[in-house]
């Protein structure tokens, strides 16, 4: 497995609704961060919408990734319609991305499992021809057992799971349950450490992101568990950074957290 970093380690820097930085963090900045920290893999998330990039910006990304100290690209998208999936398979081919990570749902679009299976089956010849593996992310709405059944019905080496370590909390599922259902299908792992704590009143819990290695995940054990299945090709750092009072402070904090996370994770890959 290969370690990389996602643009979603810099969610505040890229920009969130009602929180737009004066100088947004770009895909070129992500390449620079990776190189500065000894990584040669980045994953570009759907908040940097490649399909909407002008031609010149896509070309610049291609050239920047292939420059001195080449960096491999993985790309991501959201909203698994037939047309959107086809568009991103072509983008993956163009950018030489061996993995296409997809969140199923999009704005006003929540297909059922049978619709998702049909769309992916239709795209299988395109995926194989482009030599691109589609990674479906566990992203709240579908429980892990449903995602497992999808994978079993599709039954293709060109389709698997992008397993996020935190997302399934939104479906009421812990990581052990998710791993039990999906580890054997995992082609891409999103490392997103977190802490769960009681609120002061004791009437509920808060889930907050943490730098890798400083939360509640047993990351060495997690990596061994996923590696055992021999399907996962990449492990990608993402971070949920709790905000500070000012956006600039939050952006500084998330960069420091990304640096601390990479420093923790890199030694775990020395012998991988």
Protein backbone atom coordinates (compact mmCIF):
# COMPACT_ATOMS: atom_id res chain seq x y z
CA UNK A 1 0.00 0.00 0.00
CA UNK A 2 1.14 3.52 -0.80
CA UNK A 3 0.72 6.59 1.41
CA UNK A 4 -0.70 9.80 -0.02
CA UNK A 5 -2.54 12.95 0.99
CA UNK A 6 -5.97 14.21 -0.04
CA UNK A 7 -7.16 17.71 -0.80
CA UNK A 8 -9.66 16.90 1.99
CA UNK A 9 -6.79 17.26 4.46
CA UNK A 10 -7.15 20.95 3.55
CA UNK A 11 -10.91 21.40 3.51
CA UNK A 12 -10.85 24.86 5.06
CA UNK A 13 -8.01 25.96 2.82
CA UNK A 14 -9.80 24.85 -0.35
CA UNK A 15 -12.96 26.50 0.93
CA UNK A 16 -16.25 25.50 2.53
CA UNK A 17 -19.74 27.01 2.20
CA UNK A 18 -19.63 30.50 3.76
CA UNK A 19 -15.90 30.07 4.47
CA UNK A 20 -13.95 31.15 1.41
CA UNK A 21 -10.27 31.93 2.02
CA UNK A 22 -8.74 34.98 0.37
CA UNK A 23 -6.21 32.72 -1.37
CA UNK A 24 -7.67 29.20 -1.71
CA UNK A 25 -5.54 26.08 -1.49
CA UNK A 26 -5.31 24.56 -4.97
CA UNK A 27 -4.38 21.27 -6.59
CA UNK A 28 -0.94 22.76 -7.33
CA UNK A 29 -0.52 23.57 -3.63
CA UNK A 30 -1.41 19.96 -2.85
CA UNK A 31 1.35 18.71 -5.16
CA UNK A 32 3.77 21.07 -3.48
CA UNK A 33 2.80 19.89 -0.01
CA UNK A 34 3.22 16.25 -1.02
CA UNK A 35 6.67 16.83 -2.50
CA UNK A 36 7.79 18.87 0.51
CA UNK A 37 6.88 15.97 2.80
CA UNK A 38 8.34 13.14 0.74
CA UNK A 39 5.09 11.82 -0.74
CA UNK A 40 4.49 10.93 -4.39
CA UNK A 41 0.74 10.39 -4.31
CA UNK A 42 -2.14 12.86 -3.95
CA UNK A 43 -5.90 12.42 -4.15
CA UNK A 44 -7.94 15.31 -5.50
CA UNK A 45 -11.41 15.38 -3.97
CA UNK A 46 -14.68 16.56 -5.44
CA UNK A 47 -14.40 19.99 -3.77
CA UNK A 48 -11.82 20.66 -6.49
CA UNK A 49 -14.23 19.79 -9.35
CA UNK A 50 -11.95 18.63 -12.12
CA UNK A 51 -14.80 18.25 -14.59
CA UNK A 52 -15.45 22.00 -14.32
CA UNK A 53 -11.81 23.03 -14.72
CA UNK A 54 -10.91 25.00 -17.85
CA UNK A 55 -8.66 23.14 -20.27
CA UNK A 56 -5.65 25.25 -19.31
CA UNK A 57 -6.02 24.38 -15.63
CA UNK A 58 -6.21 20.64 -16.37
CA UNK A 59 -3.14 20.87 -18.57
CA UNK A 60 -1.26 22.72 -15.86
CA UNK A 61 -2.16 19.99 -13.37
CA UNK A 62 -0.91 17.28 -15.74
CA UNK A 63 2.35 19.11 -16.32
CA UNK A 64 2.88 19.92 -12.64
CA UNK A 65 2.30 16.30 -11.58
CA UNK A 66 4.78 15.04 -14.18
CA UNK A 67 7.51 17.59 -13.40
CA UNK A 68 10.62 16.95 -11.28
CA UNK A 69 9.73 14.56 -8.45
CA UNK A 70 6.65 13.16 -10.27
CA UNK A 71 3.51 12.80 -8.17
CA UNK A 72 0.84 10.23 -8.97
CA UNK A 73 -2.73 11.49 -9.11
CA UNK A 74 -5.90 9.86 -7.85
CA UNK A 75 -9.13 11.69 -8.53
CA UNK A 76 -12.52 11.86 -6.87
CA UNK A 77 -16.08 12.78 -7.73
CA UNK A 78 -19.57 12.99 -6.27
CA UNK A 79 -22.96 12.10 -7.75
CA UNK A 80 -22.84 8.73 -9.50
CA UNK A 81 -25.00 9.34 -12.53
CA UNK A 82 -24.13 7.49 -15.74
CA UNK A 83 -22.97 10.67 -17.45
CA UNK A 84 -20.89 11.89 -14.51
CA UNK A 85 -19.26 8.50 -14.04
CA UNK A 86 -18.34 8.31 -17.74
CA UNK A 87 -16.94 11.84 -17.66
CA UNK A 88 -14.69 11.02 -14.71
CA UNK A 89 -13.49 7.73 -16.17
CA UNK A 90 -12.26 9.75 -19.14
CA UNK A 91 -10.65 12.28 -16.79
CA UNK A 92 -8.96 9.45 -14.88
CA UNK A 93 -7.59 8.10 -18.15
CA UNK A 94 -6.31 11.53 -19.14
CA UNK A 95 -4.68 12.21 -15.75
CA UNK A 96 -3.34 8.65 -15.47
CA UNK A 97 -5.25 8.11 -12.26
CA UNK A 98 -5.45 4.36 -11.54
CA UNK A 99 -8.19 4.97 -8.97
CA UNK A 100 -11.46 6.88 -9.25
CA UNK A 101 -13.03 7.48 -5.83
CA UNK A 102 -16.76 8.19 -5.99
CA UNK A 103 -19.33 9.35 -3.44
CA UNK A 104 -22.65 7.98 -4.67
CA UNK A 105 -24.97 10.79 -3.62
CA UNK A 106 -25.04 14.31 -5.01
CA UNK A 107 -27.28 17.36 -4.56
CA UNK A 108 -30.83 16.12 -5.08
CA UNK A 109 -29.55 12.72 -6.17
CA UNK A 110 -29.89 9.65 -3.92
CA UNK A 111 -30.21 6.50 -6.04
CA UNK A 112 -31.13 3.17 -4.49
CA UNK A 113 -28.75 0.23 -4.45
CA UNK A 114 -30.15 -1.38 -7.60
CA UNK A 115 -29.69 1.85 -9.58
CA UNK A 116 -26.09 2.14 -8.39
CA UNK A 117 -25.36 -1.47 -9.38
CA UNK A 118 -26.88 -0.93 -12.83
CA UNK A 119 -24.84 2.24 -13.44
CA UNK A 120 -21.60 0.60 -12.40
CA UNK A 121 -22.24 -2.52 -14.47
CA UNK A 122 -22.82 -0.35 -17.53
CA UNK A 123 -19.48 1.38 -16.92
CA UNK A 124 -17.43 -1.80 -16.39
CA UNK A 125 -16.12 -1.99 -20.00
CA UNK A 126 -15.03 1.66 -19.80
CA UNK A 127 -13.25 1.08 -16.47
CA UNK A 128 -11.43 -1.96 -17.80
CA UNK A 129 -10.46 -0.23 -21.02
CA UNK A 130 -9.10 2.77 -19.08
CA UNK A 131 -7.43 0.49 -16.49
CA UNK A 132 -9.15 2.46 -13.73
CA UNK A 133 -10.46 0.97 -10.48
CA UNK A 134 -13.65 2.56 -9.18
CA UNK A 135 -13.69 3.02 -5.39
CA UNK A 136 -17.16 3.60 -3.91
CA UNK A 137 -16.91 5.53 -0.65
CA UNK A 138 -18.87 4.60 2.47
CA UNK A 139 -20.58 7.94 2.88
CA UNK A 140 -23.32 7.86 5.54
CA UNK A 141 -26.51 6.82 3.75
CA UNK A 142 -25.79 3.20 2.83
CA UNK A 143 -24.91 0.83 5.68
CA UNK A 144 -21.80 -1.28 5.24
CA UNK A 145 -23.76 -4.49 4.65
CA UNK A 146 -25.56 -2.86 1.70
CA UNK A 147 -22.27 -1.71 0.21
CA UNK A 148 -20.90 -5.23 0.66
CA UNK A 149 -23.88 -6.69 -1.20
CA UNK A 150 -23.34 -4.19 -4.02
CA UNK A 151 -19.73 -5.32 -4.35
CA UNK A 152 -20.74 -8.97 -4.33
CA UNK A 153 -23.36 -8.42 -7.04
CA UNK A 154 -21.03 -6.39 -9.25
CA UNK A 155 -18.16 -8.84 -8.59
CA UNK A 156 -15.48 -7.09 -10.64
CA UNK A 157 -11.78 -6.45 -10.04
CA UNK A 158 -12.40 -2.95 -11.42
CA UNK A 159 -14.75 -1.98 -8.58
CA UNK A 160 -14.18 -1.84 -4.84
CA UNK A 161 -14.65 0.26 -1.74
CA UNK A 162 -13.01 3.49 -0.69
CA UNK A 163 -13.18 2.86 3.05
CA UNK A 164 -13.31 6.03 5.14
CA UNK A 165 -12.55 5.46 8.81
CA UNK A 166 -15.08 8.02 10.08
CA UNK A 167 -17.94 8.40 7.60
CA UNK A 168 -19.96 5.38 8.72
CA UNK A 169 -20.42 6.92 12.15
CA UNK A 170 -23.13 8.87 10.34
CA UNK A 171 -24.89 5.57 9.63
CA UNK A 172 -24.58 4.49 13.27
CA UNK A 173 -21.76 2.05 12.52
CA UNK A 174 -18.37 1.71 14.17
CA UNK A 175 -15.16 0.96 12.34
CA UNK A 176 -14.93 -2.68 13.44
CA UNK A 177 -18.36 -3.36 11.96
CA UNK A 178 -17.44 -1.57 8.74
CA UNK A 179 -14.15 -3.45 8.43
CA UNK A 180 -15.92 -6.75 8.96
CA UNK A 181 -18.18 -6.04 6.00
CA UNK A 182 -15.87 -4.11 3.68
CA UNK A 183 -12.19 -4.81 4.35
CA UNK A 184 -12.07 -7.56 1.71
CA UNK A 185 -13.42 -5.12 -0.89
CA UNK A 186 -11.28 -2.11 0.06
CA UNK A 187 -9.17 -0.68 -2.75
CA UNK A 188 -8.50 2.70 -1.13
CA UNK A 189 -8.38 3.68 2.56
CA UNK A 190 -9.12 7.16 3.88
CA UNK A 191 -7.28 7.63 7.17
CA UNK A 192 -9.30 10.16 9.14
CA UNK A 193 -8.54 10.05 12.87
CA UNK A 194 -11.11 11.33 15.33
CA UNK A 195 -12.11 11.59 18.98
CA UNK A 196 -15.57 11.04 20.44
CA UNK A 197 -16.26 12.87 23.71
CA UNK A 198 -19.27 13.57 25.87
CA UNK A 199 -20.61 17.10 25.93
CA UNK A 200 -20.41 18.94 29.27
CA UNK A 201 -24.05 18.15 30.10
CA UNK A 202 -23.38 14.44 29.47
CA UNK A 203 -26.44 14.53 27.19
CA UNK A 204 -24.76 13.46 24.01
CA UNK A 205 -21.45 13.16 22.21
CA UNK A 206 -19.33 15.25 19.87
CA UNK A 207 -17.19 13.72 17.11
CA UNK A 208 -14.14 15.78 16.21
CA UNK A 209 -11.21 15.22 13.89
CA UNK A 210 -7.69 14.77 15.20
CA UNK A 211 -4.25 14.53 13.59
CA UNK A 212 -3.43 10.94 12.63
CA UNK A 213 -2.18 9.06 15.66
CA UNK A 214 -3.74 11.47 18.17
CA UNK A 215 -7.31 10.21 18.06
CA UNK A 216 -9.08 6.96 18.88
CA UNK A 217 -8.04 4.96 15.81
CA UNK A 218 -5.54 2.15 16.26
CA UNK A 219 -3.88 2.97 12.96
CA UNK A 220 -1.12 0.31 12.96
CA UNK A 221 -3.74 -2.39 13.55
CA UNK A 222 -6.06 -0.86 10.93
CA UNK A 223 -3.33 -0.84 8.29
CA UNK A 224 -2.41 -4.45 9.01
CA UNK A 225 -6.07 -5.47 8.77
CA UNK A 226 -6.62 -3.84 5.40
CA UNK A 227 -3.26 -4.94 3.97
CA UNK A 228 -4.08 -8.56 4.79
CA UNK A 229 -6.80 -8.56 2.11
CA UNK A 230 -4.26 -7.54 -0.57
CA UNK A 231 -6.66 -5.33 -2.51
CA UNK A 232 -5.96 -1.87 -1.09
CA UNK A 233 -3.47 0.06 -3.23
CA UNK A 234 -3.42 3.44 -1.45
CA UNK A 235 -3.87 4.96 2.00
CA UNK A 236 -4.88 8.60 1.85
CA UNK A 237 -4.77 11.14 4.68
CA UNK A 238 -7.91 13.19 5.26
CA UNK A 239 -8.58 15.44 8.26
CA UNK A 240 -11.65 16.94 9.92
CA UNK A 241 -10.06 20.02 11.50
CA UNK A 242 -12.25 21.73 14.14
CA UNK A 243 -12.43 25.47 13.42
CA UNK A 244 -10.70 28.25 15.29
CA UNK A 245 -12.34 31.68 15.79
CA UNK A 246 -10.79 33.03 12.58
CA UNK A 247 -10.55 31.26 9.22
CA UNK A 248 -6.86 32.12 8.87
CA UNK A 249 -6.16 30.46 12.22
CA UNK A 250 -8.07 27.36 11.13
CA UNK A 251 -6.12 27.13 7.87
CA UNK A 252 -2.83 27.36 9.76
CA UNK A 253 -4.05 24.69 12.18
CA UNK A 254 -5.07 22.24 9.46
CA UNK A 255 -1.67 22.55 7.76
CA UNK A 256 0.09 21.85 11.07
CA UNK A 257 -2.22 18.88 11.62
CA UNK A 258 -1.49 17.59 8.11
CA UNK A 259 2.26 17.85 8.75
CA UNK A 260 1.96 16.08 12.12
CA UNK A 261 -0.21 13.37 10.54
CA UNK A 262 2.28 12.66 7.75
CA UNK A 263 5.13 12.55 10.26
CA UNK A 264 3.19 9.94 12.26
CA UNK A 265 2.10 7.84 9.28
CA UNK A 266 5.30 7.66 7.22
CA UNK A 267 7.17 5.31 9.59
CA UNK A 268 4.23 2.87 9.40
CA UNK A 269 4.95 2.43 5.67
CA UNK A 270 8.70 1.84 5.83
CA UNK A 271 8.31 -1.91 5.36
CA UNK A 272 4.96 -1.95 3.50
